[in-house]
């Protein structure tokens, strides 16, 4: 089944402890076969300067602790390891995921992912995937400062499970089943730092960084893994320099950030991801970071941010923004 009802139900019942009635809407409300071949990309026209800020979140984040990473470029809340959050470095580093204690920022363990290469990992997401009830990590090897790469990759693999024997260790996972989704943009090479996944459809979305505005592209499910293919332009935002993105575990909320702002959407019943993102967002609180390139919701809709190290010497803080008002 294309929509991850099993994944969502398991997450709700076992992790959140609520009923399946708490989903934003029944999955039958969503189109199962969207016609991407005839999609007309949306355009937007809103001012970010006069945009309101949501009052759902405490404007002042909690500082959870420093993180011993130099160029953190992605965050993804763990579905299998309670209270932990994944991260990774970008270009110039190995194909390693860092599992962090979300309450302290401590690196609990490092996992080198066999079958992957880190040319320029720029963002990640933890969501559903091909096997219902399984959580997957998506890592976007999509950075391209010079905008010259002939193709890009997104790696998708089952989320590793932490064992106490892993604590403080560098674990090399050589037998992990990795899908490499290779693609091209329809209109030339792009530098992209934002990736999010729609848990209802398994569709992957990317948001570009460079250019007059940030542009949304879609990789509809099922993504081919045996060829390089051309993805779809979904629309254009009215902001630019997007550096990270994330979807909530149930697809009900999305955050996309640049270096100075975070943009926030809530999904309406029966609304596709693209329809939601075509609407004017509001801002979410952001205290600012030296070079913030990572963001993720947790299972309670709080969100975390992480920056690269300041001047490669001062370790960045892991920040948590708490949901305070519904």
C-alpha atoms as a PDB file:
ATOM      1  CA  UNK A   1       0.000   0.000   0.000  1.00  0.00           C
ATOM      2  CA  UNK A   2       1.428   3.316  -1.096  1.00  0.00           C
ATOM      3  CA  UNK A   3       0.264   5.282   1.946  1.00  0.00           C
ATOM      4  CA  UNK A   4       1.918   4.389   5.190  1.00  0.00           C
ATOM      5  CA  UNK A   5      -1.147   3.719   7.319  1.00  0.00           C
ATOM      6  CA  UNK A   6       0.725   0.940   9.112  1.00  0.00           C
ATOM      7  CA  UNK A   7       3.772   3.124   9.798  1.00  0.00           C
ATOM      8  CA  UNK A   8       1.624   5.985  11.046  1.00  0.00           C
ATOM      9  CA  UNK A   9      -0.572   3.751  13.197  1.00  0.00           C
ATOM     10  CA  UNK A  10       2.438   2.061  14.804  1.00  0.00           C
ATOM     11  CA  UNK A  11       3.975   5.437  15.539  1.00  0.00           C
ATOM     12  CA  UNK A  12       0.751   6.725  17.041  1.00  0.00           C
ATOM     13  CA  UNK A  13      -0.188   3.717  19.117  1.00  0.00           C
ATOM     14  CA  UNK A  14       3.232   2.646  20.367  1.00  0.00           C
ATOM     15  CA  UNK A  15       5.074   5.944  20.671  1.00  0.00           C
ATOM     16  CA  UNK A  16       2.499   8.656  21.154  1.00  0.00           C
ATOM     17  CA  UNK A  17      -0.064   6.490  22.916  1.00  0.00           C
ATOM     18  CA  UNK A  18      -3.131   7.851  21.154  1.00  0.00           C
ATOM     19  CA  UNK A  19      -5.673   6.427  18.758  1.00  0.00           C
ATOM     20  CA  UNK A  20      -5.644   6.372  14.983  1.00  0.00           C
ATOM     21  CA  UNK A  21      -8.495   8.917  15.070  1.00  0.00           C
ATOM     22  CA  UNK A  22      -5.854  11.574  15.824  1.00  0.00           C
ATOM     23  CA  UNK A  23      -4.485  11.569  12.276  1.00  0.00           C
ATOM     24  CA  UNK A  24      -5.072  14.825  10.408  1.00  0.00           C
ATOM     25  CA  UNK A  25      -7.569  13.002   8.174  1.00  0.00           C
ATOM     26  CA  UNK A  26      -8.333   9.592   6.806  1.00  0.00           C
ATOM     27  CA  UNK A  27      -5.843   8.506   4.171  1.00  0.00           C
ATOM     28  CA  UNK A  28      -8.722   8.029   1.711  1.00  0.00           C
ATOM     29  CA  UNK A  29      -8.921  11.826   1.561  1.00  0.00           C
ATOM     30  CA  UNK A  30      -5.600  11.930  -0.293  1.00  0.00           C
ATOM     31  CA  UNK A  31      -5.195  11.360  -4.070  1.00  0.00           C
ATOM     32  CA  UNK A  32      -3.479   8.037  -4.697  1.00  0.00           C
ATOM     33  CA  UNK A  33      -2.308   8.769  -8.239  1.00  0.00           C
ATOM     34  CA  UNK A  34      -1.429  12.418  -8.645  1.00  0.00           C
ATOM     35  CA  UNK A  35      -0.671  13.303 -12.273  1.00  0.00           C
ATOM     36  CA  UNK A  36       2.814  14.763 -11.951  1.00  0.00           C
ATOM     37  CA  UNK A  37       3.356  14.652 -15.705  1.00  0.00           C
ATOM     38  CA  UNK A  38       0.753  17.392 -16.110  1.00  0.00           C
ATOM     39  CA  UNK A  39       1.521  19.292 -12.920  1.00  0.00           C
ATOM     40  CA  UNK A  40       1.649  23.077 -13.207  1.00  0.00           C
ATOM     41  CA  UNK A  41       4.236  24.452 -10.749  1.00  0.00           C
ATOM     42  CA  UNK A  42       2.774  26.884  -8.276  1.00  0.00           C
ATOM     43  CA  UNK A  43       4.096  30.395  -7.773  1.00  0.00           C
ATOM     44  CA  UNK A  44       3.820  32.492  -4.634  1.00  0.00           C
ATOM     45  CA  UNK A  45       3.931  36.179  -3.892  1.00  0.00           C
ATOM     46  CA  UNK A  46       4.212  37.014  -0.225  1.00  0.00           C
ATOM     47  CA  UNK A  47       6.486  39.246   1.804  1.00  0.00           C
ATOM     48  CA  UNK A  48       8.525  37.573   4.509  1.00  0.00           C
ATOM     49  CA  UNK A  49       9.227  40.926   6.162  1.00  0.00           C
ATOM     50  CA  UNK A  50       5.620  41.498   7.225  1.00  0.00           C
ATOM     51  CA  UNK A  51       4.867  37.835   7.952  1.00  0.00           C
ATOM     52  CA  UNK A  52       3.345  37.001  11.327  1.00  0.00           C
ATOM     53  CA  UNK A  53       4.971  34.610  13.798  1.00  0.00           C
ATOM     54  CA  UNK A  54       2.968  31.695  15.163  1.00  0.00           C
ATOM     55  CA  UNK A  55       2.180  31.793  18.879  1.00  0.00           C
ATOM     56  CA  UNK A  56       2.139  28.002  19.133  1.00  0.00           C
ATOM     57  CA  UNK A  57       5.783  27.858  20.208  1.00  0.00           C
ATOM     58  CA  UNK A  58       7.820  29.395  22.987  1.00  0.00           C
ATOM     59  CA  UNK A  59       9.926  32.087  21.301  1.00  0.00           C
ATOM     60  CA  UNK A  60      12.898  31.250  23.520  1.00  0.00           C
ATOM     61  CA  UNK A  61      14.453  27.834  22.962  1.00  0.00           C
ATOM     62  CA  UNK A  62      15.862  25.464  25.522  1.00  0.00           C
ATOM     63  CA  UNK A  63      19.585  24.855  25.134  1.00  0.00           C
ATOM     64  CA  UNK A  64      19.972  21.086  25.363  1.00  0.00           C
ATOM     65  CA  UNK A  65      23.777  21.034  25.203  1.00  0.00           C
ATOM     66  CA  UNK A  66      26.703  21.373  22.850  1.00  0.00           C
ATOM     67  CA  UNK A  67      27.267  18.902  20.029  1.00  0.00           C
ATOM     68  CA  UNK A  68      30.783  17.793  19.112  1.00  0.00           C
ATOM     69  CA  UNK A  69      30.262  18.145  15.361  1.00  0.00           C
ATOM     70  CA  UNK A  70      31.962  20.628  13.060  1.00  0.00           C
ATOM     71  CA  UNK A  71      29.603  20.867  10.069  1.00  0.00           C
ATOM     72  CA  UNK A  72      26.222  19.505  11.112  1.00  0.00           C
ATOM     73  CA  UNK A  73      23.890  19.746   8.141  1.00  0.00           C
ATOM     74  CA  UNK A  74      20.854  17.610   8.964  1.00  0.00           C
ATOM     75  CA  UNK A  75      18.641  16.402  11.809  1.00  0.00           C
ATOM     76  CA  UNK A  76      16.091  13.600  11.979  1.00  0.00           C
ATOM     77  CA  UNK A  77      14.141  12.454  15.034  1.00  0.00           C
ATOM     78  CA  UNK A  78      14.641   8.758  15.726  1.00  0.00           C
ATOM     79  CA  UNK A  79      11.549   6.538  15.571  1.00  0.00           C
ATOM     80  CA  UNK A  80      13.351   3.451  16.909  1.00  0.00           C
ATOM     81  CA  UNK A  81      15.569   5.006  19.568  1.00  0.00           C
ATOM     82  CA  UNK A  82      13.439   6.980  22.052  1.00  0.00           C
ATOM     83  CA  UNK A  83      14.784  10.371  23.068  1.00  0.00           C
ATOM     84  CA  UNK A  84      17.479  10.369  20.385  1.00  0.00           C
ATOM     85  CA  UNK A  85      18.020  12.373  17.224  1.00  0.00           C
ATOM     86  CA  UNK A  86      20.190  11.705  14.158  1.00  0.00           C
ATOM     87  CA  UNK A  87      22.591  14.112  12.485  1.00  0.00           C
ATOM     88  CA  UNK A  88      25.386  14.161   9.906  1.00  0.00           C
ATOM     89  CA  UNK A  89      28.136  16.395   8.549  1.00  0.00           C
ATOM     90  CA  UNK A  90      28.274  17.684   4.992  1.00  0.00           C
ATOM     91  CA  UNK A  91      31.014  17.584   2.311  1.00  0.00           C
ATOM     92  CA  UNK A  92      34.548  16.736   3.345  1.00  0.00           C
ATOM     93  CA  UNK A  93      33.386  14.171   5.888  1.00  0.00           C
ATOM     94  CA  UNK A  94      32.735  10.447   5.894  1.00  0.00           C
ATOM     95  CA  UNK A  95      29.431   8.684   5.291  1.00  0.00           C
ATOM     96  CA  UNK A  96      28.642   8.645   9.006  1.00  0.00           C
ATOM     97  CA  UNK A  97      25.474   9.259  10.976  1.00  0.00           C
ATOM     98  CA  UNK A  98      25.682  10.609  14.522  1.00  0.00           C
ATOM     99  CA  UNK A  99      23.106   9.472  17.060  1.00  0.00           C
ATOM    100  CA  UNK A 100      22.603  12.209  19.651  1.00  0.00           C
ATOM    101  CA  UNK A 101      20.956  12.226  23.044  1.00  0.00           C
ATOM    102  CA  UNK A 102      18.318  14.885  22.434  1.00  0.00           C
ATOM    103  CA  UNK A 103      18.319  15.938  26.093  1.00  0.00           C
ATOM    104  CA  UNK A 104      22.051  16.689  26.268  1.00  0.00           C
ATOM    105  CA  UNK A 105      23.470  16.907  22.722  1.00  0.00           C
ATOM    106  CA  UNK A 106      25.922  14.113  23.567  1.00  0.00           C
ATOM    107  CA  UNK A 107      26.989  11.864  20.687  1.00  0.00           C
ATOM    108  CA  UNK A 108      25.791   8.437  21.790  1.00  0.00           C
ATOM    109  CA  UNK A 109      27.244   6.504  18.840  1.00  0.00           C
ATOM    110  CA  UNK A 110      28.454   6.914  15.264  1.00  0.00           C
ATOM    111  CA  UNK A 111      27.267   4.699  12.411  1.00  0.00           C
ATOM    112  CA  UNK A 112      29.155   4.489   9.138  1.00  0.00           C
ATOM    113  CA  UNK A 113      26.684   3.453   6.455  1.00  0.00           C
ATOM    114  CA  UNK A 114      28.086   0.957   3.971  1.00  0.00           C
ATOM    115  CA  UNK A 115      26.957   1.383   0.382  1.00  0.00           C
ATOM    116  CA  UNK A 116      26.857   5.184   0.598  1.00  0.00           C
ATOM    117  CA  UNK A 117      29.227   8.037  -0.301  1.00  0.00           C
ATOM    118  CA  UNK A 118      29.218  11.511   1.214  1.00  0.00           C
ATOM    119  CA  UNK A 119      29.930  13.839  -1.681  1.00  0.00           C
ATOM    120  CA  UNK A 120      27.859  16.563  -0.017  1.00  0.00           C
ATOM    121  CA  UNK A 121      25.205  15.347   2.420  1.00  0.00           C
ATOM    122  CA  UNK A 122      22.980  18.336   3.141  1.00  0.00           C
ATOM    123  CA  UNK A 123      19.818  17.130   4.878  1.00  0.00           C
ATOM    124  CA  UNK A 124      18.033  14.081   6.223  1.00  0.00           C
ATOM    125  CA  UNK A 125      14.618  12.845   7.311  1.00  0.00           C
ATOM    126  CA  UNK A 126      13.297   9.854   9.260  1.00  0.00           C
ATOM    127  CA  UNK A 127      10.005   8.627   7.844  1.00  0.00           C
ATOM    128  CA  UNK A 128       8.217   5.625   6.361  1.00  0.00           C
ATOM    129  CA  UNK A 129       9.283   3.792   3.245  1.00  0.00           C
ATOM    130  CA  UNK A 130       8.731   0.754   1.046  1.00  0.00           C
ATOM    131  CA  UNK A 131       7.991  -1.677   3.904  1.00  0.00           C
ATOM    132  CA  UNK A 132       4.960  -0.735   5.978  1.00  0.00           C
ATOM    133  CA  UNK A 133       5.659  -0.322   9.670  1.00  0.00           C
ATOM    134  CA  UNK A 134       9.400   0.236   9.100  1.00  0.00           C
ATOM    135  CA  UNK A 135      11.122   3.566   9.699  1.00  0.00           C
ATOM    136  CA  UNK A 136      13.691   4.680   7.162  1.00  0.00           C
ATOM    137  CA  UNK A 137      16.449   7.241   7.107  1.00  0.00           C
ATOM    138  CA  UNK A 138      16.666   9.425   4.006  1.00  0.00           C
ATOM    139  CA  UNK A 139      19.965  11.235   3.425  1.00  0.00           C
ATOM    140  CA  UNK A 140      20.182  13.805   0.657  1.00  0.00           C
ATOM    141  CA  UNK A 141      23.531  13.896  -1.160  1.00  0.00           C
ATOM    142  CA  UNK A 142      22.274  16.984  -2.928  1.00  0.00           C
ATOM    143  CA  UNK A 143      24.731  19.792  -2.163  1.00  0.00           C
ATOM    144  CA  UNK A 144      26.385  21.456  -5.148  1.00  0.00           C
ATOM    145  CA  UNK A 145      27.916  24.863  -4.453  1.00  0.00           C
ATOM    146  CA  UNK A 146      29.142  25.208  -8.044  1.00  0.00           C
ATOM    147  CA  UNK A 147      25.893  23.805  -9.494  1.00  0.00           C
ATOM    148  CA  UNK A 148      27.774  21.508 -11.864  1.00  0.00           C
ATOM    149  CA  UNK A 149      26.963  17.972 -10.739  1.00  0.00           C
ATOM    150  CA  UNK A 150      25.422  15.817 -13.506  1.00  0.00           C
ATOM    151  CA  UNK A 151      23.288  13.863 -11.015  1.00  0.00           C
ATOM    152  CA  UNK A 152      22.390  13.673  -7.333  1.00  0.00           C
ATOM    153  CA  UNK A 153      21.494  10.938  -4.867  1.00  0.00           C
ATOM    154  CA  UNK A 154      19.166  10.287  -1.964  1.00  0.00           C
ATOM    155  CA  UNK A 155      20.050   7.277   0.169  1.00  0.00           C
ATOM    156  CA  UNK A 156      17.213   5.413   1.865  1.00  0.00           C
ATOM    157  CA  UNK A 157      17.760   2.601   4.379  1.00  0.00           C
ATOM    158  CA  UNK A 158      16.102   1.124   7.488  1.00  0.00           C
ATOM    159  CA  UNK A 159      16.839   3.098  10.621  1.00  0.00           C
ATOM    160  CA  UNK A 160      19.568   1.460  12.753  1.00  0.00           C
ATOM    161  CA  UNK A 161      18.726   0.395  16.284  1.00  0.00           C
ATOM    162  CA  UNK A 162      21.025   1.518  19.087  1.00  0.00           C
ATOM    163  CA  UNK A 163      22.353  -1.153  21.432  1.00  0.00           C
ATOM    164  CA  UNK A 164      24.121  -0.357  24.674  1.00  0.00           C
ATOM    165  CA  UNK A 165      27.258  -2.005  23.288  1.00  0.00           C
ATOM    166  CA  UNK A 166      27.311   0.748  20.642  1.00  0.00           C
ATOM    167  CA  UNK A 167      27.681   3.554  23.190  1.00  0.00           C
ATOM    168  CA  UNK A 168      30.704   5.699  22.377  1.00  0.00           C
ATOM    169  CA  UNK A 169      31.654   3.455  19.484  1.00  0.00           C
ATOM    170  CA  UNK A 170      32.119   3.866  15.739  1.00  0.00           C
ATOM    171  CA  UNK A 171      29.874   1.199  14.212  1.00  0.00           C
ATOM    172  CA  UNK A 172      30.377   0.201  10.564  1.00  0.00           C
ATOM    173  CA  UNK A 173      27.125  -1.145   9.114  1.00  0.00           C
ATOM    174  CA  UNK A 174      28.152  -3.221   6.100  1.00  0.00           C
ATOM    175  CA  UNK A 175      25.071  -5.406   5.699  1.00  0.00           C
ATOM    176  CA  UNK A 176      22.444  -2.666   5.648  1.00  0.00           C
ATOM    177  CA  UNK A 177      20.027  -2.619   2.696  1.00  0.00           C
ATOM    178  CA  UNK A 178      20.534   0.771   1.020  1.00  0.00           C
ATOM    179  CA  UNK A 179      18.451   2.187  -1.838  1.00  0.00           C
ATOM    180  CA  UNK A 180      20.254   4.810  -3.874  1.00  0.00           C
ATOM    181  CA  UNK A 181      17.797   7.112  -5.638  1.00  0.00           C
ATOM    182  CA  UNK A 182      19.717   8.856  -8.443  1.00  0.00           C
ATOM    183  CA  UNK A 183      18.141  11.821 -10.200  1.00  0.00           C
ATOM    184  CA  UNK A 184      18.512  14.966 -12.267  1.00  0.00           C
ATOM    185  CA  UNK A 185      16.589  18.223 -12.128  1.00  0.00           C
ATOM    186  CA  UNK A 186      14.437  19.120 -15.145  1.00  0.00           C
ATOM    187  CA  UNK A 187      16.098  22.529 -15.538  1.00  0.00           C
ATOM    188  CA  UNK A 188      19.803  22.115 -14.789  1.00  0.00           C
ATOM    189  CA  UNK A 189      22.034  21.497 -11.800  1.00  0.00           C
ATOM    190  CA  UNK A 190      20.964  22.846  -8.410  1.00  0.00           C
ATOM    191  CA  UNK A 191      22.452  23.422  -4.964  1.00  0.00           C
ATOM    192  CA  UNK A 192      19.975  22.008  -2.462  1.00  0.00           C
ATOM    193  CA  UNK A 193      20.094  21.782   1.332  1.00  0.00           C
ATOM    194  CA  UNK A 194      16.503  20.917   2.294  1.00  0.00           C
ATOM    195  CA  UNK A 195      14.806  17.511   2.183  1.00  0.00           C
ATOM    196  CA  UNK A 196      11.472  16.340   3.558  1.00  0.00           C
ATOM    197  CA  UNK A 197       9.295  13.261   3.126  1.00  0.00           C
ATOM    198  CA  UNK A 198       5.507  13.027   3.069  1.00  0.00           C
ATOM    199  CA  UNK A 199       4.669  10.050   5.329  1.00  0.00           C
ATOM    200  CA  UNK A 200       1.282   9.609   3.626  1.00  0.00           C
ATOM    201  CA  UNK A 201       2.686   9.130   0.137  1.00  0.00           C
ATOM    202  CA  UNK A 202       6.421   8.392   0.540  1.00  0.00           C
ATOM    203  CA  UNK A 203       6.982  11.286  -1.876  1.00  0.00           C
ATOM    204  CA  UNK A 204      10.305  13.077  -1.326  1.00  0.00           C
ATOM    205  CA  UNK A 205      10.570  16.851  -1.646  1.00  0.00           C
ATOM    206  CA  UNK A 206      13.660  19.009  -2.105  1.00  0.00           C
ATOM    207  CA  UNK A 207      14.019  22.779  -1.716  1.00  0.00           C
ATOM    208  CA  UNK A 208      16.838  24.590  -3.507  1.00  0.00           C
ATOM    209  CA  UNK A 209      19.158  27.084  -1.874  1.00  0.00           C
ATOM    210  CA  UNK A 210      20.604  29.307  -4.601  1.00  0.00           C
ATOM    211  CA  UNK A 211      18.776  31.615  -6.986  1.00  0.00           C
ATOM    212  CA  UNK A 212      16.320  34.486  -6.689  1.00  0.00           C
ATOM    213  CA  UNK A 213      13.886  32.232  -4.779  1.00  0.00           C
ATOM    214  CA  UNK A 214      13.949  28.727  -3.361  1.00  0.00           C
ATOM    215  CA  UNK A 215      12.261  26.150  -5.590  1.00  0.00           C
ATOM    216  CA  UNK A 216      10.371  22.991  -4.578  1.00  0.00           C
ATOM    217  CA  UNK A 217      10.974  19.729  -6.470  1.00  0.00           C
ATOM    218  CA  UNK A 218       9.169  16.417  -6.045  1.00  0.00           C
ATOM    219  CA  UNK A 219      10.316  12.800  -6.292  1.00  0.00           C
ATOM    220  CA  UNK A 220       7.012  10.883  -6.269  1.00  0.00           C
ATOM    221  CA  UNK A 221       6.876   7.394  -4.848  1.00  0.00           C
ATOM    222  CA  UNK A 222       7.895   4.816  -5.975  1.00  0.00           C
ATOM    223  CA  UNK A 223      11.254   6.360  -6.826  1.00  0.00           C
ATOM    224  CA  UNK A 224      13.302   4.258  -9.282  1.00  0.00           C
ATOM    225  CA  UNK A 225      16.522   2.848  -7.846  1.00  0.00           C
ATOM    226  CA  UNK A 226      17.930   1.218 -10.978  1.00  0.00           C
ATOM    227  CA  UNK A 227      18.346   4.311 -13.167  1.00  0.00           C
ATOM    228  CA  UNK A 228      18.942   8.060 -13.097  1.00  0.00           C
ATOM    229  CA  UNK A 229      15.681   9.842 -13.743  1.00  0.00           C
ATOM    230  CA  UNK A 230      14.321  13.379 -14.008  1.00  0.00           C
ATOM    231  CA  UNK A 231      12.291  14.745 -11.114  1.00  0.00           C
ATOM    232  CA  UNK A 232       9.464  17.298 -11.154  1.00  0.00           C
ATOM    233  CA  UNK A 233       9.375  21.002 -10.412  1.00  0.00           C
ATOM    234  CA  UNK A 234       6.531  21.535  -7.928  1.00  0.00           C
ATOM    235  CA  UNK A 235       6.615  25.286  -7.314  1.00  0.00           C
ATOM    236  CA  UNK A 236       8.435  28.429  -6.243  1.00  0.00           C
ATOM    237  CA  UNK A 237       8.515  30.015  -2.804  1.00  0.00           C
ATOM    238  CA  UNK A 238       8.804  33.717  -2.038  1.00  0.00           C
ATOM    239  CA  UNK A 239      11.843  33.222   0.198  1.00  0.00           C
ATOM    240  CA  UNK A 240      15.353  32.172  -0.714  1.00  0.00           C
ATOM    241  CA  UNK A 241      18.468  30.470   0.666  1.00  0.00           C
ATOM    242  CA  UNK A 242      16.601  27.476   2.165  1.00  0.00           C
ATOM    243  CA  UNK A 243      19.032  25.465   4.295  1.00  0.00           C
ATOM    244  CA  UNK A 244      16.907  22.736   5.951  1.00  0.00           C
ATOM    245  CA  UNK A 245      13.430  21.237   5.934  1.00  0.00           C
ATOM    246  CA  UNK A 246      11.358  18.687   7.837  1.00  0.00           C
ATOM    247  CA  UNK A 247       7.899  17.160   7.970  1.00  0.00           C
ATOM    248  CA  UNK A 248       6.228  16.083  11.203  1.00  0.00           C
ATOM    249  CA  UNK A 249       5.943  12.318  11.675  1.00  0.00           C
ATOM    250  CA  UNK A 250       2.268  12.396  10.594  1.00  0.00           C
ATOM    251  CA  UNK A 251       2.702  14.904   7.759  1.00  0.00           C
ATOM    252  CA  UNK A 252       0.537  17.493   9.527  1.00  0.00           C
ATOM    253  CA  UNK A 253       3.217  20.202   9.812  1.00  0.00           C
ATOM    254  CA  UNK A 254       6.239  21.313   7.803  1.00  0.00           C
ATOM    255  CA  UNK A 255       9.174  23.578   8.603  1.00  0.00           C
ATOM    256  CA  UNK A 256      11.596  25.034   6.063  1.00  0.00           C
ATOM    257  CA  UNK A 257      14.371  27.321   7.268  1.00  0.00           C
ATOM    258  CA  UNK A 258      17.082  29.531   5.890  1.00  0.00           C
ATOM    259  CA  UNK A 259      19.899  31.058   7.892  1.00  0.00           C
ATOM    260  CA  UNK A 260      17.708  33.716   9.534  1.00  0.00           C
ATOM    261  CA  UNK A 261      14.072  32.527   9.401  1.00  0.00           C
ATOM    262  CA  UNK A 262      11.903  29.434   9.839  1.00  0.00           C
ATOM    263  CA  UNK A 263       8.697  29.067   7.812  1.00  0.00           C
ATOM    264  CA  UNK A 264       5.804  27.001   9.168  1.00  0.00           C
ATOM    265  CA  UNK A 265       2.796  25.323   7.534  1.00  0.00           C
ATOM    266  CA  UNK A 266      -0.071  23.249   8.926  1.00  0.00           C
ATOM    267  CA  UNK A 267      -1.797  20.754   6.652  1.00  0.00           C
ATOM    268  CA  UNK A 268      -5.539  20.917   6.054  1.00  0.00           C
ATOM    269  CA  UNK A 269      -7.675  17.759   5.797  1.00  0.00           C
ATOM    270  CA  UNK A 270      -7.412  16.204   2.338  1.00  0.00           C
ATOM    271  CA  UNK A 271      -4.592  18.559   1.330  1.00  0.00           C
ATOM    272  CA  UNK A 272      -1.534  17.299  -0.529  1.00  0.00           C
ATOM    273  CA  UNK A 273       1.950  18.327   0.525  1.00  0.00           C
ATOM    274  CA  UNK A 274       2.277  20.494  -2.571  1.00  0.00           C
ATOM    275  CA  UNK A 275      -1.044  22.225  -1.956  1.00  0.00           C
ATOM    276  CA  UNK A 276      -0.018  22.979   1.614  1.00  0.00           C
ATOM    277  CA  UNK A 277       3.348  24.418   0.579  1.00  0.00           C
ATOM    278  CA  UNK A 278       1.744  26.573  -2.105  1.00  0.00           C
ATOM    279  CA  UNK A 279      -0.058  28.519   0.636  1.00  0.00           C
ATOM    280  CA  UNK A 280       1.456  31.466   2.490  1.00  0.00           C
ATOM    281  CA  UNK A 281       3.219  30.239   5.657  1.00  0.00           C
ATOM    282  CA  UNK A 282       3.783  31.954   8.954  1.00  0.00           C
ATOM    283  CA  UNK A 283       7.114  32.183  10.696  1.00  0.00           C
ATOM    284  CA  UNK A 284       8.157  29.989  13.583  1.00  0.00           C
ATOM    285  CA  UNK A 285      10.401  31.313  16.362  1.00  0.00           C
ATOM    286  CA  UNK A 286      14.130  31.296  15.658  1.00  0.00           C
ATOM    287  CA  UNK A 287      16.735  32.766  17.976  1.00  0.00           C
ATOM    288  CA  UNK A 288      19.469  32.577  15.352  1.00  0.00           C
ATOM    289  CA  UNK A 289      22.611  30.478  14.986  1.00  0.00           C
ATOM    290  CA  UNK A 290      26.073  30.987  13.479  1.00  0.00           C
ATOM    291  CA  UNK A 291      25.253  28.820  10.432  1.00  0.00           C
ATOM    292  CA  UNK A 292      22.069  26.909  11.076  1.00  0.00           C
ATOM    293  CA  UNK A 293      21.532  24.132   8.525  1.00  0.00           C
ATOM    294  CA  UNK A 294      19.513  21.501  10.402  1.00  0.00           C
ATOM    295  CA  UNK A 295      15.975  21.196  11.774  1.00  0.00           C
ATOM    296  CA  UNK A 296      13.638  18.414  12.902  1.00  0.00           C
ATOM    297  CA  UNK A 297      10.344  17.901  14.688  1.00  0.00           C
ATOM    298  CA  UNK A 298      10.144  15.422  17.545  1.00  0.00           C
ATOM    299  CA  UNK A 299       7.101  13.207  18.096  1.00  0.00           C
ATOM    300  CA  UNK A 300       5.337  15.920  20.138  1.00  0.00           C
ATOM    301  CA  UNK A 301       5.723  18.590  17.404  1.00  0.00           C
ATOM    302  CA  UNK A 302       8.473  20.426  19.275  1.00  0.00           C
ATOM    303  CA  UNK A 303      11.335  21.224  16.930  1.00  0.00           C
ATOM    304  CA  UNK A 304      15.110  21.174  17.228  1.00  0.00           C
ATOM    305  CA  UNK A 305      17.789  23.144  15.378  1.00  0.00           C
ATOM    306  CA  UNK A 306      21.531  22.656  15.061  1.00  0.00           C
ATOM    307  CA  UNK A 307      24.238  24.797  13.473  1.00  0.00           C
ATOM    308  CA  UNK A 308      27.672  24.233  12.079  1.00  0.00           C
ATOM    309  CA  UNK A 309      30.451  25.089  14.499  1.00  0.00           C
ATOM    310  CA  UNK A 310      31.374  28.750  14.830  1.00  0.00           C
ATOM    311  CA  UNK A 311      34.680  29.284  12.992  1.00  0.00           C
ATOM    312  CA  UNK A 312      35.100  25.491  13.195  1.00  0.00           C
ATOM    313  CA  UNK A 313      36.197  25.890  16.827  1.00  0.00           C
ATOM    314  CA  UNK A 314      33.168  26.644  19.031  1.00  0.00           C
ATOM    315  CA  UNK A 315      30.854  23.647  19.281  1.00  0.00           C
ATOM    316  CA  UNK A 316      27.232  24.372  18.308  1.00  0.00           C
ATOM    317  CA  UNK A 317      24.266  24.132  20.650  1.00  0.00           C
ATOM    318  CA  UNK A 318      21.331  21.825  20.101  1.00  0.00           C
ATOM    319  CA  UNK A 319      18.222  23.992  20.584  1.00  0.00           C
ATOM    320  CA  UNK A 320      14.674  22.848  21.327  1.00  0.00           C
ATOM    321  CA  UNK A 321      11.608  25.011  20.618  1.00  0.00           C
ATOM    322  CA  UNK A 322       8.669  23.868  22.730  1.00  0.00           C
ATOM    323  CA  UNK A 323       5.066  23.689  21.606  1.00  0.00           C
ATOM    324  CA  UNK A 324       3.110  25.662  24.199  1.00  0.00           C
ATOM    325  CA  UNK A 325      -0.285  26.473  22.725  1.00  0.00           C
ATOM    326  CA  UNK A 326      -2.749  24.473  20.664  1.00  0.00           C
END
